[in-house]
């Protein structure tokens, strides 16, 4: 488990919130861990400014809405945007992105809604600026969880 992840992360333990079963034979713990690894890969790609690693996490027809509301449709559009903004994004800033899985809801055995806490930390580990509250809808294809429909929302200070 990543140090940024909360051990008490909520999952739906084989049932959705309406009491429906996620699917017989589904190892919710293993699938939740696989979803966590995708979020950890997002964090790794962001921290290390690795556009190709980040881009590889998306389905070909994925939707991504940035924290500033820019809609990106399709992996190629996401790739074009990412290649422009990610390299150098954190160089010399002393800022490190941190992602924490807050909740996982398995809508179906192969579809998960994943709520994430996104923060930017200084060298002392203190939060800088606004927190993000992404929602990643992931689909499992060919045994691999992929980012499919994603909304990154800034949390406004009150």
N, C-alpha and C. Protein backbone atom coordinates (compact mmCIF):
# COMPACT_ATOMS: atom_id res chain seq x y z
N UNK A 1 0.85 -1.18 0.00
CA UNK A 1 0.00 0.00 0.00
C UNK A 1 0.88 1.23 0.00
N UNK A 2 0.54 2.19 -0.85
CA UNK A 2 1.26 3.46 -0.94
C UNK A 2 1.10 4.22 0.36
N UNK A 3 2.13 4.90 0.78
CA UNK A 3 2.09 5.65 2.05
C UNK A 3 1.01 6.72 2.05
N UNK A 4 0.59 7.15 0.86
CA UNK A 4 -0.43 8.19 0.77
C UNK A 4 -1.85 7.64 0.83
N UNK A 5 -1.98 6.33 0.86
CA UNK A 5 -3.30 5.74 0.85
C UNK A 5 -3.79 5.48 2.26
N UNK A 6 -5.06 5.63 2.45
CA UNK A 6 -5.71 5.44 3.74
C UNK A 6 -6.06 3.97 3.91
N UNK A 7 -5.60 3.36 4.99
CA UNK A 7 -5.89 1.94 5.23
C UNK A 7 -7.38 1.67 5.37
N UNK A 8 -8.14 2.65 5.73
CA UNK A 8 -9.57 2.48 5.94
C UNK A 8 -10.39 2.83 4.72
N UNK A 9 -9.79 2.77 3.54
CA UNK A 9 -10.51 3.10 2.32
C UNK A 9 -11.77 2.27 2.22
N UNK A 10 -12.85 2.93 1.89
CA UNK A 10 -14.13 2.25 1.76
C UNK A 10 -14.22 1.54 0.42
N UNK A 11 -14.67 0.30 0.43
CA UNK A 11 -15.04 -0.41 -0.78
C UNK A 11 -16.41 -0.99 -0.52
N UNK A 12 -17.00 -1.54 -1.54
CA UNK A 12 -18.37 -2.01 -1.38
C UNK A 12 -18.47 -3.49 -1.10
N UNK A 13 -17.37 -4.13 -0.74
CA UNK A 13 -17.36 -5.51 -0.26
C UNK A 13 -18.35 -6.44 -0.96
N UNK A 14 -18.22 -6.59 -2.26
CA UNK A 14 -19.02 -7.49 -3.08
C UNK A 14 -20.46 -7.04 -3.30
N UNK A 15 -20.84 -5.89 -2.81
CA UNK A 15 -22.18 -5.39 -3.06
C UNK A 15 -22.10 -3.93 -3.46
N UNK A 16 -23.05 -3.51 -4.31
CA UNK A 16 -23.12 -2.09 -4.58
C UNK A 16 -24.01 -1.45 -3.53
N UNK A 17 -24.13 -0.13 -3.55
CA UNK A 17 -24.87 0.55 -2.50
C UNK A 17 -26.36 0.21 -2.47
N UNK A 18 -26.86 -0.36 -3.56
CA UNK A 18 -28.26 -0.78 -3.61
C UNK A 18 -28.42 -2.23 -3.19
N UNK A 19 -27.32 -2.83 -2.70
CA UNK A 19 -27.39 -4.20 -2.21
C UNK A 19 -27.19 -5.25 -3.28
N UNK A 20 -26.95 -4.84 -4.52
CA UNK A 20 -26.75 -5.80 -5.60
C UNK A 20 -25.35 -6.38 -5.57
N UNK A 21 -25.23 -7.65 -5.89
CA UNK A 21 -23.92 -8.30 -5.88
C UNK A 21 -23.07 -7.79 -7.02
N UNK A 22 -21.78 -7.62 -6.76
CA UNK A 22 -20.84 -7.19 -7.78
C UNK A 22 -20.62 -8.32 -8.78
N UNK A 23 -20.58 -9.53 -8.33
CA UNK A 23 -20.40 -10.66 -9.22
C UNK A 23 -19.82 -11.84 -8.48
N UNK A 24 -20.37 -12.99 -8.72
CA UNK A 24 -19.88 -14.19 -8.08
C UNK A 24 -18.46 -14.46 -8.53
N UNK A 25 -17.63 -14.86 -7.60
CA UNK A 25 -16.26 -15.20 -7.94
C UNK A 25 -15.33 -14.01 -8.09
N UNK A 26 -15.81 -12.81 -7.85
CA UNK A 26 -14.96 -11.63 -7.96
C UNK A 26 -14.23 -11.43 -6.64
N UNK A 27 -12.92 -11.34 -6.72
CA UNK A 27 -12.10 -11.09 -5.54
C UNK A 27 -12.01 -9.57 -5.36
N UNK A 28 -12.92 -9.02 -4.58
CA UNK A 28 -13.01 -7.56 -4.41
C UNK A 28 -11.70 -7.00 -3.87
N UNK A 29 -11.08 -7.70 -2.94
CA UNK A 29 -9.83 -7.22 -2.38
C UNK A 29 -8.73 -7.12 -3.45
N UNK A 30 -8.62 -8.13 -4.27
CA UNK A 30 -7.61 -8.14 -5.33
C UNK A 30 -7.91 -7.07 -6.38
N UNK A 31 -9.18 -6.93 -6.74
CA UNK A 31 -9.55 -5.93 -7.75
C UNK A 31 -9.36 -4.52 -7.21
N UNK A 32 -9.66 -4.32 -5.93
CA UNK A 32 -9.44 -3.01 -5.31
C UNK A 32 -7.96 -2.68 -5.32
N UNK A 33 -7.13 -3.65 -5.03
CA UNK A 33 -5.68 -3.43 -5.06
C UNK A 33 -5.21 -3.11 -6.48
N UNK A 34 -5.78 -3.77 -7.47
CA UNK A 34 -5.42 -3.49 -8.86
C UNK A 34 -5.80 -2.06 -9.25
N UNK A 35 -6.96 -1.61 -8.80
CA UNK A 35 -7.40 -0.23 -9.04
C UNK A 35 -6.46 0.75 -8.33
N UNK A 36 -6.06 0.42 -7.11
CA UNK A 36 -5.10 1.27 -6.37
C UNK A 36 -3.79 1.41 -7.14
N UNK A 37 -3.38 0.32 -7.77
CA UNK A 37 -2.12 0.37 -8.54
C UNK A 37 -2.23 1.33 -9.72
N UNK A 38 -3.41 1.43 -10.32
CA UNK A 38 -3.59 2.39 -11.41
C UNK A 38 -3.45 3.81 -10.87
N UNK A 39 -4.08 4.09 -9.73
CA UNK A 39 -3.96 5.42 -9.12
C UNK A 39 -2.51 5.69 -8.74
N UNK A 40 -1.82 4.70 -8.22
CA UNK A 40 -0.40 4.85 -7.89
C UNK A 40 0.42 5.13 -9.16
N UNK A 41 0.05 4.52 -10.27
CA UNK A 41 0.74 4.77 -11.54
C UNK A 41 0.49 6.19 -12.03
N UNK A 42 -0.74 6.70 -11.82
CA UNK A 42 -1.03 8.10 -12.14
C UNK A 42 -0.10 9.00 -11.33
N UNK A 43 -0.03 8.74 -10.03
CA UNK A 43 0.84 9.53 -9.15
C UNK A 43 2.29 9.46 -9.61
N UNK A 44 2.78 8.26 -9.91
CA UNK A 44 4.16 8.07 -10.34
C UNK A 44 4.44 8.85 -11.63
N UNK A 45 3.55 8.73 -12.59
CA UNK A 45 3.73 9.44 -13.86
C UNK A 45 3.73 10.95 -13.66
N UNK A 46 2.85 11.44 -12.79
CA UNK A 46 2.80 12.87 -12.51
C UNK A 46 4.08 13.32 -11.79
N UNK A 47 4.45 12.62 -10.74
CA UNK A 47 5.64 13.00 -9.96
C UNK A 47 6.91 13.03 -10.80
N UNK A 48 7.01 12.08 -11.70
CA UNK A 48 8.22 11.93 -12.50
C UNK A 48 8.10 12.52 -13.90
N UNK A 49 6.98 13.21 -14.13
CA UNK A 49 6.73 13.90 -15.41
C UNK A 49 6.93 12.97 -16.60
N UNK A 50 6.22 11.84 -16.57
CA UNK A 50 6.34 10.80 -17.59
C UNK A 50 5.06 10.73 -18.43
N UNK A 51 4.97 11.54 -19.47
CA UNK A 51 3.73 11.58 -20.27
C UNK A 51 3.32 10.22 -20.84
N UNK A 52 4.25 9.46 -21.37
CA UNK A 52 3.88 8.20 -22.02
C UNK A 52 3.33 7.20 -21.01
N UNK A 53 3.90 7.18 -19.82
CA UNK A 53 3.38 6.30 -18.77
C UNK A 53 1.95 6.71 -18.41
N UNK A 54 1.72 8.00 -18.26
CA UNK A 54 0.39 8.51 -17.94
C UNK A 54 -0.60 8.16 -19.05
N UNK A 55 -0.24 8.42 -20.27
CA UNK A 55 -1.11 8.17 -21.43
C UNK A 55 -1.48 6.69 -21.54
N UNK A 56 -0.56 5.80 -21.19
CA UNK A 56 -0.80 4.36 -21.32
C UNK A 56 -1.89 3.86 -20.36
N UNK A 57 -2.29 4.67 -19.41
CA UNK A 57 -3.29 4.26 -18.42
C UNK A 57 -4.73 4.44 -18.92
N UNK A 58 -4.91 5.04 -20.11
CA UNK A 58 -6.23 5.37 -20.64
C UNK A 58 -6.70 4.40 -21.71
N UNK A 59 -8.02 4.19 -21.74
CA UNK A 59 -8.64 3.51 -22.88
C UNK A 59 -8.50 4.40 -24.10
N UNK A 60 -8.59 3.83 -25.27
CA UNK A 60 -8.47 4.61 -26.51
C UNK A 60 -9.57 5.66 -26.63
N UNK A 61 -10.76 5.36 -26.11
CA UNK A 61 -11.91 6.27 -26.23
C UNK A 61 -12.19 7.02 -24.93
N UNK A 62 -11.19 7.14 -24.06
CA UNK A 62 -11.38 7.74 -22.74
C UNK A 62 -11.80 9.21 -22.82
N UNK A 63 -12.45 9.64 -21.75
CA UNK A 63 -12.83 11.04 -21.56
C UNK A 63 -12.07 11.53 -20.32
N UNK A 64 -11.48 12.72 -20.41
CA UNK A 64 -10.76 13.32 -19.30
C UNK A 64 -11.16 14.78 -19.21
N UNK A 65 -11.63 15.21 -18.07
CA UNK A 65 -11.89 16.63 -17.83
C UNK A 65 -10.89 17.09 -16.79
N UNK A 66 -10.09 18.08 -17.15
CA UNK A 66 -9.03 18.56 -16.26
C UNK A 66 -9.64 19.33 -15.09
N UNK A 67 -8.81 19.63 -14.10
CA UNK A 67 -9.24 20.40 -12.94
C UNK A 67 -9.70 21.80 -13.28
N UNK A 68 -9.32 22.27 -14.47
CA UNK A 68 -9.75 23.60 -14.92
C UNK A 68 -10.88 23.52 -15.93
N UNK A 69 -11.46 22.31 -16.07
CA UNK A 69 -12.65 22.15 -16.89
C UNK A 69 -12.42 21.88 -18.36
N UNK A 70 -11.19 21.65 -18.79
CA UNK A 70 -10.92 21.37 -20.19
C UNK A 70 -11.30 19.92 -20.49
N UNK A 71 -12.17 19.74 -21.47
CA UNK A 71 -12.63 18.40 -21.88
C UNK A 71 -11.68 17.84 -22.93
N UNK A 72 -11.20 16.64 -22.67
CA UNK A 72 -10.33 15.93 -23.60
C UNK A 72 -10.99 14.60 -23.91
N UNK A 73 -11.24 14.34 -25.19
CA UNK A 73 -11.92 13.12 -25.61
C UNK A 73 -10.99 12.29 -26.48
N UNK A 74 -10.73 11.07 -26.04
CA UNK A 74 -9.87 10.14 -26.76
C UNK A 74 -8.44 10.20 -26.28
N UNK A 75 -7.80 9.03 -26.27
CA UNK A 75 -6.43 8.95 -25.78
C UNK A 75 -5.48 9.83 -26.58
N UNK A 76 -5.70 9.97 -27.88
CA UNK A 76 -4.80 10.82 -28.67
C UNK A 76 -4.89 12.29 -28.26
N UNK A 77 -6.09 12.77 -27.97
CA UNK A 77 -6.26 14.15 -27.51
C UNK A 77 -5.66 14.31 -26.12
N UNK A 78 -5.88 13.33 -25.27
CA UNK A 78 -5.29 13.34 -23.93
C UNK A 78 -3.76 13.34 -24.05
N UNK A 79 -3.23 12.55 -24.98
CA UNK A 79 -1.79 12.46 -25.19
C UNK A 79 -1.22 13.81 -25.64
N UNK A 80 -1.88 14.43 -26.59
CA UNK A 80 -1.41 15.72 -27.10
C UNK A 80 -1.34 16.75 -25.97
N UNK A 81 -2.38 16.83 -25.16
CA UNK A 81 -2.44 17.76 -24.04
C UNK A 81 -1.35 17.42 -23.01
N UNK A 82 -1.25 16.14 -22.65
CA UNK A 82 -0.31 15.70 -21.62
C UNK A 82 1.13 15.97 -22.03
N UNK A 83 1.46 15.72 -23.29
CA UNK A 83 2.83 15.95 -23.77
C UNK A 83 3.21 17.43 -23.71
N UNK A 84 2.22 18.30 -23.74
CA UNK A 84 2.48 19.75 -23.64
C UNK A 84 2.64 20.20 -22.20
N UNK A 85 1.80 19.68 -21.29
CA UNK A 85 1.75 20.24 -19.93
C UNK A 85 2.54 19.47 -18.88
N UNK A 86 2.75 18.17 -19.06
CA UNK A 86 3.39 17.39 -18.00
C UNK A 86 4.91 17.58 -17.92
N UNK A 87 5.63 17.51 -19.03
CA UNK A 87 7.09 17.70 -18.90
C UNK A 87 7.41 19.08 -18.32
N UNK A 88 8.17 19.08 -17.25
CA UNK A 88 8.56 20.35 -16.62
C UNK A 88 7.53 20.93 -15.68
N UNK A 89 6.42 20.24 -15.49
CA UNK A 89 5.33 20.77 -14.66
C UNK A 89 5.75 20.99 -13.22
N UNK A 90 6.64 20.16 -12.70
CA UNK A 90 7.03 20.25 -11.30
C UNK A 90 8.51 20.60 -11.12
N UNK A 91 9.26 20.64 -12.20
CA UNK A 91 10.71 20.90 -12.11
C UNK A 91 10.97 22.24 -11.43
N UNK A 92 11.80 22.19 -10.41
CA UNK A 92 12.20 23.41 -9.72
C UNK A 92 11.14 24.03 -8.83
N UNK A 93 9.98 23.39 -8.70
CA UNK A 93 8.91 23.97 -7.87
C UNK A 93 8.96 23.48 -6.44
N UNK A 94 9.62 22.36 -6.20
CA UNK A 94 9.62 21.77 -4.87
C UNK A 94 8.28 21.15 -4.53
N UNK A 95 7.43 20.99 -5.53
CA UNK A 95 6.08 20.47 -5.34
C UNK A 95 6.02 19.01 -5.79
N UNK A 96 5.32 18.20 -4.99
CA UNK A 96 5.14 16.79 -5.30
C UNK A 96 3.65 16.46 -5.27
N UNK A 97 3.11 15.88 -6.36
CA UNK A 97 1.71 15.46 -6.31
C UNK A 97 1.54 14.20 -5.48
N UNK A 98 0.43 14.12 -4.77
CA UNK A 98 0.10 12.95 -3.94
C UNK A 98 -1.35 12.57 -4.19
N UNK A 99 -1.59 11.28 -4.42
CA UNK A 99 -2.92 10.77 -4.70
C UNK A 99 -3.29 9.72 -3.66
N UNK A 100 -4.50 9.81 -3.17
CA UNK A 100 -4.98 8.87 -2.15
C UNK A 100 -6.35 8.34 -2.58
N UNK A 101 -6.48 7.03 -2.67
CA UNK A 101 -7.78 6.42 -2.99
C UNK A 101 -8.66 6.59 -1.76
N UNK A 102 -9.83 7.19 -1.95
CA UNK A 102 -10.75 7.46 -0.85
C UNK A 102 -11.89 6.44 -0.83
N UNK A 103 -12.38 6.06 -2.01
CA UNK A 103 -13.51 5.13 -2.07
C UNK A 103 -13.50 4.43 -3.42
N UNK A 104 -13.85 3.15 -3.42
CA UNK A 104 -13.99 2.38 -4.65
C UNK A 104 -15.39 1.76 -4.65
N UNK A 105 -16.12 2.00 -5.72
CA UNK A 105 -17.44 1.41 -5.91
C UNK A 105 -17.40 0.57 -7.17
N UNK A 106 -17.56 -0.75 -7.04
CA UNK A 106 -17.63 -1.61 -8.21
C UNK A 106 -19.06 -1.57 -8.74
N UNK A 107 -19.22 -0.93 -9.86
CA UNK A 107 -20.53 -0.82 -10.50
C UNK A 107 -20.90 -2.16 -11.12
N UNK A 108 -19.92 -2.78 -11.71
CA UNK A 108 -19.98 -4.15 -12.24
C UNK A 108 -18.62 -4.76 -11.95
N UNK A 109 -18.45 -6.05 -12.14
CA UNK A 109 -17.13 -6.64 -11.88
C UNK A 109 -16.00 -6.00 -12.69
N UNK A 110 -16.34 -5.44 -13.86
CA UNK A 110 -15.32 -4.86 -14.73
C UNK A 110 -15.41 -3.34 -14.85
N UNK A 111 -16.18 -2.70 -13.98
CA UNK A 111 -16.31 -1.24 -13.99
C UNK A 111 -16.27 -0.74 -12.54
N UNK A 112 -15.38 0.21 -12.27
CA UNK A 112 -15.25 0.74 -10.92
C UNK A 112 -15.23 2.27 -10.96
N UNK A 113 -15.93 2.88 -10.01
CA UNK A 113 -15.87 4.32 -9.80
C UNK A 113 -14.90 4.52 -8.63
N UNK A 114 -13.89 5.34 -8.84
CA UNK A 114 -12.82 5.49 -7.85
C UNK A 114 -12.70 6.97 -7.48
N UNK A 115 -12.97 7.26 -6.22
CA UNK A 115 -12.84 8.64 -5.72
C UNK A 115 -11.44 8.79 -5.15
N UNK A 116 -10.78 9.88 -5.54
CA UNK A 116 -9.38 10.10 -5.20
C UNK A 116 -9.22 11.47 -4.55
N UNK A 117 -8.32 11.55 -3.61
CA UNK A 117 -7.91 12.82 -3.02
C UNK A 117 -6.56 13.17 -3.64
N UNK A 118 -6.49 14.34 -4.26
CA UNK A 118 -5.28 14.78 -4.95
C UNK A 118 -4.75 16.04 -4.26
N UNK A 119 -3.49 15.97 -3.83
CA UNK A 119 -2.89 17.13 -3.16
C UNK A 119 -1.51 17.39 -3.76
N UNK A 120 -1.06 18.61 -3.61
CA UNK A 120 0.30 18.97 -3.99
C UNK A 120 1.02 19.35 -2.71
N UNK A 121 2.18 18.72 -2.49
CA UNK A 121 2.90 18.87 -1.23
C UNK A 121 4.25 19.55 -1.45
N UNK A 122 4.66 20.33 -0.46
CA UNK A 122 6.00 20.93 -0.51
C UNK A 122 7.00 19.93 0.04
N UNK A 123 8.28 20.33 0.11
CA UNK A 123 9.34 19.42 0.56
C UNK A 123 9.12 18.92 1.98
N UNK A 124 8.39 19.69 2.80
CA UNK A 124 8.10 19.29 4.19
C UNK A 124 6.86 18.42 4.29
N UNK A 125 6.20 18.16 3.16
CA UNK A 125 4.99 17.34 3.17
C UNK A 125 3.73 18.12 3.47
N UNK A 126 3.83 19.44 3.47
CA UNK A 126 2.66 20.29 3.71
C UNK A 126 1.94 20.58 2.40
N UNK A 127 0.62 20.61 2.45
CA UNK A 127 -0.18 20.88 1.26
C UNK A 127 0.03 22.31 0.77
N UNK A 128 0.14 22.43 -0.56
CA UNK A 128 0.26 23.72 -1.22
C UNK A 128 -0.98 23.89 -2.10
N UNK A 129 -1.64 25.01 -2.01
CA UNK A 129 -2.76 25.30 -2.89
C UNK A 129 -3.99 24.45 -2.62
N UNK A 130 -4.85 24.45 -3.63
CA UNK A 130 -6.13 23.76 -3.52
C UNK A 130 -5.97 22.25 -3.69
N UNK A 131 -6.83 21.51 -3.04
CA UNK A 131 -6.90 20.07 -3.17
C UNK A 131 -7.74 19.72 -4.38
N UNK A 132 -7.44 18.60 -5.01
CA UNK A 132 -8.26 18.10 -6.10
C UNK A 132 -9.09 16.92 -5.61
N UNK A 133 -10.22 16.70 -6.28
CA UNK A 133 -11.10 15.60 -5.91
C UNK A 133 -11.53 14.85 -7.17
N UNK A 134 -10.58 14.12 -7.80
CA UNK A 134 -10.92 13.41 -9.03
C UNK A 134 -11.87 12.24 -8.81
N UNK A 135 -12.65 11.97 -9.83
CA UNK A 135 -13.43 10.74 -9.92
C UNK A 135 -12.97 10.03 -11.18
N UNK A 136 -12.45 8.83 -11.00
CA UNK A 136 -12.01 8.02 -12.13
C UNK A 136 -12.98 6.86 -12.29
N UNK A 137 -13.57 6.72 -13.46
CA UNK A 137 -14.33 5.52 -13.78
C UNK A 137 -13.40 4.66 -14.60
N UNK A 138 -13.12 3.47 -14.09
CA UNK A 138 -12.20 2.56 -14.75
C UNK A 138 -12.95 1.35 -15.29
N UNK A 139 -12.46 0.84 -16.40
CA UNK A 139 -13.00 -0.38 -16.99
C UNK A 139 -11.87 -1.41 -17.09
N UNK A 140 -12.20 -2.64 -16.81
CA UNK A 140 -11.21 -3.71 -16.89
C UNK A 140 -11.34 -4.38 -18.25
N UNK A 141 -10.23 -4.33 -19.00
CA UNK A 141 -10.20 -4.91 -20.33
C UNK A 141 -8.93 -5.73 -20.49
N UNK A 142 -9.09 -6.96 -20.94
CA UNK A 142 -7.92 -7.82 -21.12
C UNK A 142 -7.14 -8.01 -19.84
N UNK A 143 -7.84 -8.01 -18.69
CA UNK A 143 -7.20 -8.20 -17.40
C UNK A 143 -6.55 -6.95 -16.83
N UNK A 144 -6.74 -5.82 -17.48
CA UNK A 144 -6.08 -4.57 -17.06
C UNK A 144 -7.11 -3.48 -16.82
N UNK A 145 -7.00 -2.78 -15.68
CA UNK A 145 -7.88 -1.64 -15.38
C UNK A 145 -7.37 -0.41 -16.11
N UNK A 146 -8.27 0.27 -16.83
CA UNK A 146 -7.91 1.46 -17.60
C UNK A 146 -8.80 2.64 -17.22
N UNK A 147 -8.22 3.83 -17.22
CA UNK A 147 -8.99 5.06 -17.00
C UNK A 147 -9.91 5.25 -18.19
N UNK A 148 -11.20 5.48 -17.91
CA UNK A 148 -12.20 5.51 -18.97
C UNK A 148 -12.96 6.83 -19.03
N UNK A 149 -13.57 7.24 -17.93
CA UNK A 149 -14.31 8.51 -17.86
C UNK A 149 -13.86 9.18 -16.56
N UNK A 150 -13.24 10.35 -16.69
CA UNK A 150 -12.53 10.94 -15.55
C UNK A 150 -12.82 12.42 -15.44
N UNK A 151 -13.06 12.86 -14.23
CA UNK A 151 -13.36 14.27 -13.94
C UNK A 151 -12.46 14.69 -12.78
N UNK A 152 -11.64 15.69 -13.00
CA UNK A 152 -10.80 16.21 -11.94
C UNK A 152 -11.37 17.55 -11.51
N UNK A 153 -11.74 17.66 -10.24
CA UNK A 153 -12.42 18.84 -9.72
C UNK A 153 -11.57 19.47 -8.62
N UNK A 154 -11.39 20.77 -8.69
CA UNK A 154 -10.70 21.48 -7.61
C UNK A 154 -11.65 21.68 -6.45
N UNK A 155 -11.15 21.50 -5.24
CA UNK A 155 -11.94 21.73 -4.04
C UNK A 155 -11.69 23.18 -3.62
N UNK A 156 -12.73 23.98 -3.64
CA UNK A 156 -12.61 25.39 -3.28
C UNK A 156 -12.53 25.55 -1.76
N UNK A 157 -11.64 26.42 -1.31
CA UNK A 157 -11.58 26.74 0.11
C UNK A 157 -12.81 27.55 0.48
N UNK A 158 -13.35 27.31 1.68
CA UNK A 158 -14.53 28.07 2.07
C UNK A 158 -14.16 29.36 2.75
